[in-house]
PDB file of N, CA and C in Angstrom:
ATOM      1  N   UNK A   1       1.682  -1.199  17.593  1.00  0.00           N
ATOM      2  CA  UNK A   1       0.632  -0.686  16.853  1.00  0.00           C
ATOM      3  C   UNK A   1      -0.132   0.531  17.550  1.00  0.00           C
ATOM      4  N   UNK A   2       0.033   1.367  17.037  1.00  0.00           N
ATOM      5  CA  UNK A   2      -0.950   2.598  17.311  1.00  0.00           C
ATOM      6  C   UNK A   2      -2.245   2.958  16.242  1.00  0.00           C
ATOM      7  N   UNK A   3      -3.519   3.072  16.552  1.00  0.00           N
ATOM      8  CA  UNK A   3      -4.648   3.252  16.422  1.00  0.00           C
ATOM      9  C   UNK A   3      -5.135   4.864  16.218  1.00  0.00           C
ATOM     10  N   UNK A   4      -5.015   5.731  15.180  1.00  0.00           N
ATOM     11  CA  UNK A   4      -5.396   7.128  15.294  1.00  0.00           C
ATOM     12  C   UNK A   4      -7.254   6.879  15.251  1.00  0.00           C
ATOM     13  N   UNK A   5      -7.608   7.543  16.840  1.00  0.00           N
ATOM     14  CA  UNK A   5      -8.907   7.768  16.839  1.00  0.00           C
ATOM     15  C   UNK A   5      -9.155   9.258  15.478  1.00  0.00           C
ATOM     16  N   UNK A   6     -10.247   9.143  15.175  1.00  0.00           N
ATOM     17  CA  UNK A   6     -10.863   9.717  14.144  1.00  0.00           C
ATOM     18  C   UNK A   6     -10.445   9.486  12.882  1.00  0.00           C
ATOM     19  N   UNK A   7      -9.531   8.570  12.011  1.00  0.00           N
ATOM     20  CA  UNK A   7      -8.787   8.418  11.241  1.00  0.00           C
ATOM     21  C   UNK A   7      -8.462   7.042  10.756  1.00  0.00           C
ATOM     22  N   UNK A   8      -9.150   6.600   9.687  1.00  0.00           N
ATOM     23  CA  UNK A   8      -9.496   5.090   8.826  1.00  0.00           C
ATOM     24  C   UNK A   8      -7.696   4.854   8.417  1.00  0.00           C
ATOM     25  N   UNK A   9      -6.756   5.283   9.114  1.00  0.00           N
ATOM     26  CA  UNK A   9      -5.183   4.932   8.880  1.00  0.00           C
ATOM     27  C   UNK A   9      -5.080   4.209  10.092  1.00  0.00           C
ATOM     28  N   UNK A  10      -4.236   2.864  10.239  1.00  0.00           N
ATOM     29  CA  UNK A  10      -3.589   2.411  11.123  1.00  0.00           C
ATOM     30  C   UNK A  10      -2.119   2.151  10.785  1.00  0.00           C
ATOM     31  N   UNK A  11      -1.193   2.780  12.125  1.00  0.00           N
ATOM     32  CA  UNK A  11      -0.094   2.970  11.582  1.00  0.00           C
ATOM     33  C   UNK A  11       0.876   1.417  12.457  1.00  0.00           C
ATOM     34  N   UNK A  12       2.078   1.240  11.577  1.00  0.00           N
ATOM     35  CA  UNK A  12       2.113  -0.247  12.385  1.00  0.00           C
ATOM     36  C   UNK A  12       3.943  -0.410  11.682  1.00  0.00           C
ATOM     37  N   UNK A  13       4.521  -0.225  12.884  1.00  0.00           N
ATOM     38  CA  UNK A  13       6.288  -0.200  12.191  1.00  0.00           C
ATOM     39  C   UNK A  13       6.261   0.778  11.043  1.00  0.00           C
ATOM     40  N   UNK A  14       5.870   1.705  11.148  1.00  0.00           N
ATOM     41  CA  UNK A  14       5.947   3.150  10.443  1.00  0.00           C
ATOM     42  C   UNK A  14       5.646   3.199   8.951  1.00  0.00           C
ATOM     43  N   UNK A  15       4.995   2.353   8.622  1.00  0.00           N
ATOM     44  CA  UNK A  15       4.188   2.155   7.575  1.00  0.00           C
ATOM     45  C   UNK A  15       2.841   2.596   7.974  1.00  0.00           C
ATOM     46  N   UNK A  16       2.117   2.674   6.721  1.00  0.00           N
ATOM     47  CA  UNK A  16       0.803   2.809   6.895  1.00  0.00           C
ATOM     48  C   UNK A  16      -0.446   2.093   5.773  1.00  0.00           C
ATOM     49  N   UNK A  17      -1.397   1.201   6.656  1.00  0.00           N
ATOM     50  CA  UNK A  17      -1.841   0.328   6.375  1.00  0.00           C
ATOM     51  C   UNK A  17      -3.143   0.956   5.764  1.00  0.00           C
ATOM     52  N   UNK A  18      -4.040   1.485   5.103  1.00  0.00           N
ATOM     53  CA  UNK A  18      -5.109   1.764   4.986  1.00  0.00           C
ATOM     54  C   UNK A  18      -6.504   0.576   5.034  1.00  0.00           C
ATOM     55  N   UNK A  19      -7.287   0.952   6.148  1.00  0.00           N
ATOM     56  CA  UNK A  19      -8.326   0.051   6.229  1.00  0.00           C
ATOM     57  C   UNK A  19      -9.406   0.251   5.529  1.00  0.00           C
ATOM     58  N   UNK A  20      -9.979   1.056   4.865  1.00  0.00           N
ATOM     59  CA  UNK A  20     -11.051   2.160   4.667  1.00  0.00           C
ATOM     60  C   UNK A  20     -10.625   2.709   3.464  1.00  0.00           C
ATOM     61  N   UNK A  21     -10.893   3.153   2.141  1.00  0.00           N
ATOM     62  CA  UNK A  21     -10.441   4.378   1.115  1.00  0.00           C
ATOM     63  C   UNK A  21     -11.921   4.677   0.989  1.00  0.00           C
ATOM     64  N   UNK A  22     -11.866   6.208   1.074  1.00  0.00           N
ATOM     65  CA  UNK A  22     -13.355   6.941   0.723  1.00  0.00           C
ATOM     66  C   UNK A  22     -14.070   6.843  -0.635  1.00  0.00           C
ATOM     67  N   UNK A  23     -14.326   6.977  -1.181  1.00  0.00           N
ATOM     68  CA  UNK A  23     -15.359   6.658  -2.065  1.00  0.00           C
ATOM     69  C   UNK A  23     -16.362   8.096  -2.597  1.00  0.00           C
ATOM     70  N   UNK A  24     -16.718   8.619  -3.867  1.00  0.00           N
ATOM     71  CA  UNK A  24     -17.213   9.514  -4.117  1.00  0.00           C
ATOM     72  C   UNK A  24     -19.130   9.111  -4.743  1.00  0.00           C
ATOM     73  N   UNK A  25     -19.834   9.415  -4.195  1.00  0.00           N
ATOM     74  CA  UNK A  25     -21.286   8.882  -4.526  1.00  0.00           C
ATOM     75  C   UNK A  25     -21.168  10.120  -5.777  1.00  0.00           C
ATOM     76  N   UNK A  26     -21.332   9.555  -7.166  1.00  0.00           N
ATOM     77  CA  UNK A  26     -21.407  10.209  -8.093  1.00  0.00           C
ATOM     78  C   UNK A  26     -23.034  11.049  -8.217  1.00  0.00           C
ATOM     79  N   UNK A  27     -24.014  10.556  -7.264  1.00  0.00           N
ATOM     80  CA  UNK A  27     -25.080  10.422  -7.259  1.00  0.00           C
ATOM     81  C   UNK A  27     -25.674  12.156  -6.683  1.00  0.00           C
ATOM     82  N   UNK A  28     -24.425  11.904  -5.776  1.00  0.00           N
ATOM     83  CA  UNK A  28     -24.775  13.851  -4.864  1.00  0.00           C
ATOM     84  C   UNK A  28     -23.631  14.717  -4.908  1.00  0.00           C
ATOM     85  N   UNK A  29     -22.597  13.924  -5.478  1.00  0.00           N
ATOM     86  CA  UNK A  29     -21.521  14.938  -5.975  1.00  0.00           C
ATOM     87  C   UNK A  29     -21.802  16.239  -7.134  1.00  0.00           C
ATOM     88  N   UNK A  30     -21.860  17.069  -7.324  1.00  0.00           N
ATOM     89  CA  UNK A  30     -22.021  18.284  -8.009  1.00  0.00           C
ATOM     90  C   UNK A  30     -21.116  18.880  -8.655  1.00  0.00           C
ATOM     91  N   UNK A  31     -19.894  17.912  -8.610  1.00  0.00           N
ATOM     92  CA  UNK A  31     -18.236  18.084  -9.423  1.00  0.00           C
ATOM     93  C   UNK A  31     -18.358  20.031  -9.549  1.00  0.00           C
ATOM     94  N   UNK A  32     -18.143  20.019  -8.228  1.00  0.00           N
ATOM     95  CA  UNK A  32     -18.067  21.789  -7.990  1.00  0.00           C
ATOM     96  C   UNK A  32     -16.620  22.436  -8.279  1.00  0.00           C
ATOM     97  N   UNK A  33     -16.220  23.517  -9.025  1.00  0.00           N
ATOM     98  CA  UNK A  33     -15.132  24.057  -9.636  1.00  0.00           C
ATOM     99  C   UNK A  33     -14.012  24.229  -8.745  1.00  0.00           C
ATOM    100  N   UNK A  34     -14.637  24.448  -7.316  1.00  0.00           N
ATOM    101  CA  UNK A  34     -13.507  24.799  -6.300  1.00  0.00           C
ATOM    102  C   UNK A  34     -13.710  23.519  -5.617  1.00  0.00           C
ATOM    103  N   UNK A  35     -13.469  22.220  -5.707  1.00  0.00           N
ATOM    104  CA  UNK A  35     -13.742  21.258  -4.617  1.00  0.00           C
ATOM    105  C   UNK A  35     -13.362  21.935  -3.270  1.00  0.00           C
ATOM    106  N   UNK A  36     -14.005  21.820  -2.087  1.00  0.00           N
ATOM    107  CA  UNK A  36     -13.300  21.655  -1.322  1.00  0.00           C
ATOM    108  C   UNK A  36     -12.900  20.405  -0.833  1.00  0.00           C
ATOM    109  N   UNK A  37     -13.103  19.615  -1.298  1.00  0.00           N
ATOM    110  CA  UNK A  37     -12.885  17.891  -0.917  1.00  0.00           C
ATOM    111  C   UNK A  37     -11.109  18.153  -1.816  1.00  0.00           C
ATOM    112  N   UNK A  38     -11.177  18.083  -2.341  1.00  0.00           N
ATOM    113  CA  UNK A  38     -10.028  17.998  -3.089  1.00  0.00           C
ATOM    114  C   UNK A  38      -8.800  18.989  -2.821  1.00  0.00           C
ATOM    115  N   UNK A  39      -9.434  20.483  -2.508  1.00  0.00           N
ATOM    116  CA  UNK A  39      -8.385  21.401  -2.048  1.00  0.00           C
ATOM    117  C   UNK A  39      -7.684  20.489  -0.442  1.00  0.00           C
ATOM    118  N   UNK A  40      -8.872  19.834   0.072  1.00  0.00           N
ATOM    119  CA  UNK A  40      -7.973  19.558   1.951  1.00  0.00           C
ATOM    120  C   UNK A  40      -7.319  18.500   1.476  1.00  0.00           C
ATOM    121  N   UNK A  41      -7.451  17.847   0.780  1.00  0.00           N
ATOM    122  CA  UNK A  41      -6.511  16.402   0.326  1.00  0.00           C
ATOM    123  C   UNK A  41      -5.088  16.804   0.140  1.00  0.00           C
ATOM    124  N   UNK A  42      -4.401  16.389   1.123  1.00  0.00           N
ATOM    125  CA  UNK A  42      -2.927  16.714   1.168  1.00  0.00           C
ATOM    126  C   UNK A  42      -2.182  16.070   0.485  1.00  0.00           C
ATOM    127  N   UNK A  43      -2.648  14.657  -0.047  1.00  0.00           N
ATOM    128  CA  UNK A  43      -2.087  13.491  -0.821  1.00  0.00           C
ATOM    129  C   UNK A  43      -2.168  13.341  -2.086  1.00  0.00           C
ATOM    130  N   UNK A  44      -3.362  14.569  -2.408  1.00  0.00           N
ATOM    131  CA  UNK A  44      -4.015  14.582  -3.762  1.00  0.00           C
ATOM    132  C   UNK A  44      -4.390  13.714  -4.161  1.00  0.00           C
ATOM    133  N   UNK A  45      -5.226  13.062  -3.516  1.00  0.00           N
ATOM    134  CA  UNK A  45      -6.143  11.438  -4.018  1.00  0.00           C
ATOM    135  C   UNK A  45      -7.292  11.528  -4.800  1.00  0.00           C
ATOM    136  N   UNK A  46      -8.072  12.748  -4.132  1.00  0.00           N
ATOM    137  CA  UNK A  46      -8.920  13.167  -5.075  1.00  0.00           C
ATOM    138  C   UNK A  46      -8.495  13.292  -6.164  1.00  0.00           C
ATOM    139  N   UNK A  47      -9.031  12.953  -7.533  1.00  0.00           N
ATOM    140  CA  UNK A  47      -8.348  13.295  -8.590  1.00  0.00           C
ATOM    141  C   UNK A  47      -9.893  13.562  -9.820  1.00  0.00           C
ATOM    142  N   UNK A  48     -10.019  14.917 -10.559  1.00  0.00           N
ATOM    143  CA  UNK A  48     -10.812  15.086 -11.078  1.00  0.00           C
ATOM    144  C   UNK A  48      -9.712  15.372 -12.695  1.00  0.00           C
ATOM    145  N   UNK A  49     -10.709  14.447 -13.998  1.00  0.00           N
ATOM    146  CA  UNK A  49     -10.251  14.537 -14.639  1.00  0.00           C
ATOM    147  C   UNK A  49     -10.725  15.914 -15.817  1.00  0.00           C
ATOM    148  N   UNK A  50     -11.860  15.823 -15.608  1.00  0.00           N
ATOM    149  CA  UNK A  50     -12.674  16.742 -16.334  1.00  0.00           C
ATOM    150  C   UNK A  50     -13.862  17.468 -15.642  1.00  0.00           C
ATOM    151  N   UNK A  51     -13.799  19.186 -15.475  1.00  0.00           N
ATOM    152  CA  UNK A  51     -14.192  19.686 -14.407  1.00  0.00           C
ATOM    153  C   UNK A  51     -15.741  19.768 -14.019  1.00  0.00           C
ATOM    154  N   UNK A  52     -16.387  18.907 -15.619  1.00  0.00           N
ATOM    155  CA  UNK A  52     -17.816  18.483 -15.440  1.00  0.00           C
ATOM    156  C   UNK A  52     -18.063  17.310 -15.082  1.00  0.00           C
ATOM    157  N   UNK A  53     -16.912  16.490 -14.597  1.00  0.00           N
ATOM    158  CA  UNK A  53     -17.290  15.022 -14.244  1.00  0.00           C
ATOM    159  C   UNK A  53     -16.702  15.446 -12.606  1.00  0.00           C
ATOM    160  N   UNK A  54     -17.135  14.060 -11.832  1.00  0.00           N
ATOM    161  CA  UNK A  54     -17.418  14.439 -10.455  1.00  0.00           C
ATOM    162  C   UNK A  54     -15.581  13.498 -10.318  1.00  0.00           C
ATOM    163  N   UNK A  55     -15.122  14.010  -9.345  1.00  0.00           N
ATOM    164  CA  UNK A  55     -13.582  13.491  -8.886  1.00  0.00           C
ATOM    165  C   UNK A  55     -13.734  12.222  -8.567  1.00  0.00           C
ATOM    166  N   UNK A  56     -12.689  11.075  -8.517  1.00  0.00           N
ATOM    167  CA  UNK A  56     -12.605  10.027  -7.334  1.00  0.00           C
ATOM    168  C   UNK A  56     -11.169  10.058  -6.771  1.00  0.00           C
ATOM    169  N   UNK A  57     -11.696   8.940  -6.300  1.00  0.00           N
ATOM    170  CA  UNK A  57     -10.164   8.806  -5.410  1.00  0.00           C
ATOM    171  C   UNK A  57      -9.283   7.819  -5.608  1.00  0.00           C
ATOM    172  N   UNK A  58      -8.241   7.884  -5.634  1.00  0.00           N
ATOM    173  CA  UNK A  58      -7.046   7.242  -6.343  1.00  0.00           C
ATOM    174  C   UNK A  58      -6.258   6.620  -5.003  1.00  0.00           C
ATOM    175  N   UNK A  59      -6.815   5.112  -4.989  1.00  0.00           N
ATOM    176  CA  UNK A  59      -6.265   4.535  -3.541  1.00  0.00           C
ATOM    177  C   UNK A  59      -4.940   4.338  -3.374  1.00  0.00           C
ATOM    178  N   UNK A  60      -4.065   4.749  -4.641  1.00  0.00           N
ATOM    179  CA  UNK A  60      -2.839   4.491  -4.368  1.00  0.00           C
ATOM    180  C   UNK A  60      -1.910   5.390  -3.776  1.00  0.00           C
ATOM    181  N   UNK A  61      -2.879   6.930  -3.896  1.00  0.00           N
ATOM    182  CA  UNK A  61      -2.142   7.750  -2.862  1.00  0.00           C
ATOM    183  C   UNK A  61      -2.847   8.271  -1.541  1.00  0.00           C
ATOM    184  N   UNK A  62      -3.857   7.935  -1.785  1.00  0.00           N
ATOM    185  CA  UNK A  62      -4.900   7.966  -0.845  1.00  0.00           C
ATOM    186  C   UNK A  62      -3.843   7.468   0.644  1.00  0.00           C
ATOM    187  N   UNK A  63      -3.563   8.496   2.078  1.00  0.00           N
ATOM    188  CA  UNK A  63      -3.237   7.450   3.120  1.00  0.00           C
ATOM    189  C   UNK A  63      -4.377   7.743   4.568  1.00  0.00           C
ATOM    190  N   UNK A  64      -5.802   7.917   4.258  1.00  0.00           N
ATOM    191  CA  UNK A  64      -6.875   7.177   5.037  1.00  0.00           C
ATOM    192  C   UNK A  64      -6.896   8.233   6.021  1.00  0.00           C
ATOM    193  N   UNK A  65      -6.923   9.770   6.103  1.00  0.00           N
ATOM    194  CA  UNK A  65      -6.423  10.643   6.974  1.00  0.00           C
ATOM    195  C   UNK A  65      -8.548  11.312   7.236  1.00  0.00           C
ATOM    196  N   UNK A  66      -8.892  10.545   5.836  1.00  0.00           N
ATOM    197  CA  UNK A  66     -10.310  11.140   5.497  1.00  0.00           C
ATOM    198  C   UNK A  66     -11.476  12.733   5.933  1.00  0.00           C
ATOM    199  N   UNK A  67      -9.986  13.152   5.718  1.00  0.00           N
ATOM    200  CA  UNK A  67     -10.533  15.231   6.090  1.00  0.00           C
ATOM    201  C   UNK A  67     -11.395  15.492   4.644  1.00  0.00           C
ATOM    202  N   UNK A  68     -11.013  14.321   3.720  1.00  0.00           N
ATOM    203  CA  UNK A  68     -11.910  14.826   2.863  1.00  0.00           C
ATOM    204  C   UNK A  68     -13.481  14.352   2.894  1.00  0.00           C
ATOM    205  N   UNK A  69     -13.542  13.460   3.847  1.00  0.00           N
ATOM    206  CA  UNK A  69     -15.425  13.166   4.117  1.00  0.00           C
ATOM    207  C   UNK A  69     -16.539  14.755   4.429  1.00  0.00           C
ATOM    208  N   UNK A  70     -15.568  15.158   5.692  1.00  0.00           N
ATOM    209  CA  UNK A  70     -16.786  16.614   5.963  1.00  0.00           C
ATOM    210  C   UNK A  70     -16.148  17.496   5.230  1.00  0.00           C
ATOM    211  N   UNK A  71     -15.231  17.632   4.651  1.00  0.00           N
ATOM    212  CA  UNK A  71     -15.198  18.659   3.847  1.00  0.00           C
ATOM    213  C   UNK A  71     -16.160  18.872   2.690  1.00  0.00           C
ATOM    214  N   UNK A  72     -16.581  18.112   2.195  1.00  0.00           N
ATOM    215  CA  UNK A  72     -17.335  17.771   1.444  1.00  0.00           C
ATOM    216  C   UNK A  72     -18.771  18.418   1.695  1.00  0.00           C
ATOM    217  N   UNK A  73     -19.308  19.282   0.969  1.00  0.00           N
ATOM    218  CA  UNK A  73     -20.702  20.349   1.226  1.00  0.00           C
ATOM    219  C   UNK A  73     -22.047  19.566   1.303  1.00  0.00           C
ATOM    220  N   UNK A  74     -21.344  18.339   0.339  1.00  0.00           N
ATOM    221  CA  UNK A  74     -22.922  18.064  -0.022  1.00  0.00           C
ATOM    222  C   UNK A  74     -22.980  16.497   0.029  1.00  0.00           C
ATOM    223  N   UNK A  75     -21.868  15.760   1.296  1.00  0.00           N
ATOM    224  CA  UNK A  75     -21.744  14.705   1.692  1.00  0.00           C
ATOM    225  C   UNK A  75     -22.125  13.325   0.523  1.00  0.00           C
ATOM    226  N   UNK A  76     -20.795  14.012  -0.163  1.00  0.00           N
ATOM    227  CA  UNK A  76     -20.660  13.271  -1.640  1.00  0.00           C
ATOM    228  C   UNK A  76     -19.774  11.598  -1.405  1.00  0.00           C
ATOM    229  N   UNK A  77     -18.827  12.202  -0.282  1.00  0.00           N
ATOM    230  CA  UNK A  77     -17.449  11.241   0.080  1.00  0.00           C
ATOM    231  C   UNK A  77     -18.050  10.265   1.012  1.00  0.00           C
ATOM    232  N   UNK A  78     -18.098   9.579   0.866  1.00  0.00           N
ATOM    233  CA  UNK A  78     -18.181   8.270   1.691  1.00  0.00           C
ATOM    234  C   UNK A  78     -17.130   7.182   2.477  1.00  0.00           C
ATOM    235  N   UNK A  79     -17.567   6.293   3.054  1.00  0.00           N
ATOM    236  CA  UNK A  79     -15.918   5.301   2.858  1.00  0.00           C
ATOM    237  C   UNK A  79     -16.516   3.851   2.933  1.00  0.00           C
ATOM    238  N   UNK A  80     -15.927   3.249   2.318  1.00  0.00           N
ATOM    239  CA  UNK A  80     -15.695   1.775   2.232  1.00  0.00           C
ATOM    240  C   UNK A  80     -15.645   0.997   3.109  1.00  0.00           C
ATOM    241  N   UNK A  81     -16.250   0.158   3.816  1.00  0.00           N
ATOM    242  CA  UNK A  81     -15.422  -0.562   4.595  1.00  0.00           C
ATOM    243  C   UNK A  81     -15.520  -2.128   4.683  1.00  0.00           C
TER     244      UNK A  81
END
């Protein structure tokens, strides 16, 4: 088993197991038109159905790279543990 430092994903036998899925704090989210966290998410796990509503994390798409967390300038994305 290999644990990748700085990431919440743990790789075991070529399969990814998510230890924690990021979440969006709607009180801090500004529902940006050009959400940096959404643009950096390679798995397209941050989904925004309406431009005036905050995005949410689709756990079935998220592979736990955690790049979205520091990408949000408002600190609206955290990590469920």
